[in-house]
């Protein structure tokens, strides 16, 4: 089940997703920057020739226009903040970041009020804090470059989709 709540006035939109194991969102991109926060479950993301793993209580930053594909290993509870391109200078490249309790609270609060809620002073302040906190987070070591060679890239992509595959080197 996917629930989407959007914004009109503060430069952010939000989405809350409860995704089932095996869910794949094929290669796509967004006009906005995207912060994916997993409160539970594990997903893999392939973006910009990089494989990123999103474990619980971490987030992935994807700048606007980044082509990416998501795959859930099991059920995933995902909160997404879409940040308008005029505001998305929070981080320069795709990365996995650690999430502090403070940033987690900000993310959940923005999702709860739908990224808009009348664009009051409180909402603007919370979004401002969120945008200031994201670049302060430590990078997490859940990123591996994907190979440039198309043959090796196909192998690595298949292995990411099914890590338990039992093919031997000759079969690959």
Protein backbone atom coordinates (compact mmCIF):
# COMPACT_ATOMS: atom_id res chain seq x y z
CA UNK A 1 0.00 0.00 0.00
CA UNK A 2 1.31 3.46 -0.88
CA UNK A 3 0.00 6.66 0.64
CA UNK A 4 1.13 9.93 -0.89
CA UNK A 5 0.67 13.33 0.69
CA UNK A 6 1.80 16.35 -1.28
CA UNK A 7 2.83 19.94 -0.61
CA UNK A 8 1.91 23.18 -2.31
CA UNK A 9 3.84 25.98 -0.70
CA UNK A 10 7.00 25.05 1.17
CA UNK A 11 9.18 23.48 -1.50
CA UNK A 12 8.81 19.93 -0.22
CA UNK A 13 6.44 17.04 -0.86
CA UNK A 14 6.23 13.90 1.21
CA UNK A 15 5.22 10.28 0.77
CA UNK A 16 4.70 7.43 3.20
CA UNK A 17 5.15 3.94 1.74
CA UNK A 18 4.56 0.53 3.26
CA UNK A 19 6.18 -1.75 0.69
CA UNK A 20 6.12 -5.53 0.50
CA UNK A 21 9.12 -7.80 0.11
CA UNK A 22 10.16 -8.19 -3.50
CA UNK A 23 8.71 -4.80 -4.50
CA UNK A 24 10.74 -3.15 -7.27
CA UNK A 25 10.32 0.39 -8.53
CA UNK A 26 11.99 0.26 -11.96
CA UNK A 27 14.52 2.81 -13.19
CA UNK A 28 13.08 6.33 -13.01
CA UNK A 29 13.94 9.85 -11.87
CA UNK A 30 12.27 12.83 -10.21
CA UNK A 31 12.42 16.54 -10.87
CA UNK A 32 13.05 17.05 -7.15
CA UNK A 33 15.79 15.87 -4.82
CA UNK A 34 14.71 12.84 -2.80
CA UNK A 35 15.50 11.78 0.76
CA UNK A 36 14.48 8.14 1.37
CA UNK A 37 14.26 7.21 5.07
CA UNK A 38 13.67 3.57 6.08
CA UNK A 39 12.25 3.18 9.58
CA UNK A 40 12.18 -0.59 9.09
CA UNK A 41 13.23 -3.09 6.45
CA UNK A 42 16.09 -3.11 3.97
CA UNK A 43 16.08 -1.93 0.37
CA UNK A 44 18.71 -1.65 -2.31
CA UNK A 45 18.98 1.29 -4.68
CA UNK A 46 20.96 1.45 -7.90
CA UNK A 47 21.69 5.05 -8.87
CA UNK A 48 24.41 6.82 -10.86
CA UNK A 49 26.41 3.60 -11.41
CA UNK A 50 26.39 3.02 -7.66
CA UNK A 51 24.73 0.33 -5.57
CA UNK A 52 23.43 1.65 -2.26
CA UNK A 53 21.93 -0.37 0.59
CA UNK A 54 19.34 1.33 2.78
CA UNK A 55 19.18 -0.42 6.17
CA UNK A 56 16.76 0.70 8.89
CA UNK A 57 17.30 4.11 10.46
CA UNK A 58 19.45 5.39 7.61
CA UNK A 59 18.56 7.53 4.60
CA UNK A 60 19.59 7.79 0.98
CA UNK A 61 19.95 11.17 -0.68
CA UNK A 62 19.25 11.33 -4.44
CA UNK A 63 19.76 14.74 -6.12
CA UNK A 64 17.13 15.94 -8.60
CA UNK A 65 17.22 14.11 -11.93
CA UNK A 66 19.08 11.05 -10.58
CA UNK A 67 17.97 7.88 -12.35
CA UNK A 68 17.44 5.13 -9.77
CA UNK A 69 15.79 1.78 -9.13
CA UNK A 70 14.56 0.52 -5.73
CA UNK A 71 14.23 -3.11 -4.62
CA UNK A 72 12.87 -4.25 -1.25
CA UNK A 73 14.45 -7.31 0.36
CA UNK A 74 11.46 -7.74 2.68
CA UNK A 75 8.73 -5.41 3.99
CA UNK A 76 9.94 -1.79 4.16
CA UNK A 77 8.44 1.17 5.96
CA UNK A 78 9.66 4.14 3.93
CA UNK A 79 9.25 7.88 4.37
CA UNK A 80 10.24 10.10 1.46
CA UNK A 81 10.85 13.83 1.37
CA UNK A 82 10.95 15.37 -2.13
CA UNK A 83 12.82 18.67 -2.11
CA UNK A 84 12.22 21.24 -4.84
CA UNK A 85 15.27 21.72 -7.11
CA UNK A 86 15.69 25.31 -5.88
CA UNK A 87 16.23 23.93 -2.36
CA UNK A 88 17.86 20.54 -3.03
CA UNK A 89 21.48 21.60 -2.58
CA UNK A 90 21.59 19.66 0.69
CA UNK A 91 24.16 17.09 -0.55
CA UNK A 92 26.07 17.02 -3.85
CA UNK A 93 25.76 13.33 -4.81
CA UNK A 94 23.94 10.08 -4.08
CA UNK A 95 24.86 8.78 -0.66
CA UNK A 96 23.65 6.91 2.41
CA UNK A 97 23.58 8.97 5.59
CA UNK A 98 23.21 8.18 9.26
CA UNK A 99 20.07 9.59 10.86
CA UNK A 100 20.13 11.18 14.30
CA UNK A 101 17.09 11.04 16.57
CA UNK A 102 16.60 14.77 15.89
CA UNK A 103 16.58 14.36 12.09
CA UNK A 104 14.29 11.33 12.40
CA UNK A 105 11.84 13.44 14.42
CA UNK A 106 11.99 16.21 11.80
CA UNK A 107 11.35 13.75 8.94
CA UNK A 108 8.40 12.15 10.71
CA UNK A 109 6.94 15.54 11.65
CA UNK A 110 7.16 16.83 8.07
CA UNK A 111 5.50 13.64 6.81
CA UNK A 112 2.80 13.95 9.51
CA UNK A 113 1.88 17.49 8.51
CA UNK A 114 2.09 16.59 4.83
CA UNK A 115 4.88 18.99 3.96
CA UNK A 116 2.40 21.86 3.82
CA UNK A 117 -0.31 22.14 6.49
CA UNK A 118 -1.13 25.71 5.53
CA UNK A 119 2.49 26.86 5.27
CA UNK A 120 2.45 28.36 8.73
CA UNK A 121 5.44 29.71 10.64
CA UNK A 122 5.90 26.42 12.54
CA UNK A 123 5.90 24.33 9.35
CA UNK A 124 8.39 26.68 7.64
CA UNK A 125 10.68 26.49 10.68
CA UNK A 126 10.59 22.68 10.79
CA UNK A 127 11.33 22.37 7.05
CA UNK A 128 14.15 24.92 7.43
CA UNK A 129 15.67 22.82 10.23
CA UNK A 130 15.28 19.65 8.17
CA UNK A 131 17.13 21.20 5.23
CA UNK A 132 19.94 22.40 7.53
CA UNK A 133 20.31 19.06 9.32
CA UNK A 134 20.57 16.75 6.29
CA UNK A 135 24.06 17.95 5.19
CA UNK A 136 25.35 17.66 8.77
CA UNK A 137 24.80 13.89 8.87
CA UNK A 138 27.69 11.44 8.68
CA UNK A 139 28.01 9.38 5.53
CA UNK A 140 27.35 5.68 6.08
CA UNK A 141 29.45 2.98 4.35
CA UNK A 142 26.62 1.33 2.41
CA UNK A 143 27.71 2.37 -1.09
CA UNK A 144 29.60 0.39 -3.74
CA UNK A 145 30.38 1.58 -7.29
CA UNK A 146 28.79 -0.46 -10.06
CA UNK A 147 31.16 -1.68 -12.80
CA UNK A 148 31.35 0.26 -16.08
CA UNK A 149 31.77 -2.90 -18.19
CA UNK A 150 28.24 -3.86 -19.37
CA UNK A 151 28.84 -7.60 -18.90
CA UNK A 152 30.05 -7.25 -15.33
CA UNK A 153 27.33 -4.70 -14.64
CA UNK A 154 24.64 -7.22 -15.76
CA UNK A 155 26.16 -9.83 -13.44
CA UNK A 156 26.28 -7.45 -10.46
CA UNK A 157 22.73 -6.23 -11.09
CA UNK A 158 21.45 -9.83 -11.22
CA UNK A 159 23.34 -10.67 -8.02
CA UNK A 160 21.85 -7.63 -6.25
CA UNK A 161 18.35 -8.73 -7.28
CA UNK A 162 18.94 -12.29 -6.06
CA UNK A 163 21.87 -12.51 -3.61
CA UNK A 164 21.07 -16.17 -2.94
CA UNK A 165 21.54 -17.17 -6.59
CA UNK A 166 23.44 -20.45 -6.84
CA UNK A 167 24.87 -20.18 -10.36
CA UNK A 168 28.52 -20.94 -10.69
CA UNK A 169 31.01 -18.83 -12.63
CA UNK A 170 30.50 -20.94 -15.79
CA UNK A 171 26.73 -20.39 -15.71
CA UNK A 172 27.12 -16.66 -15.30
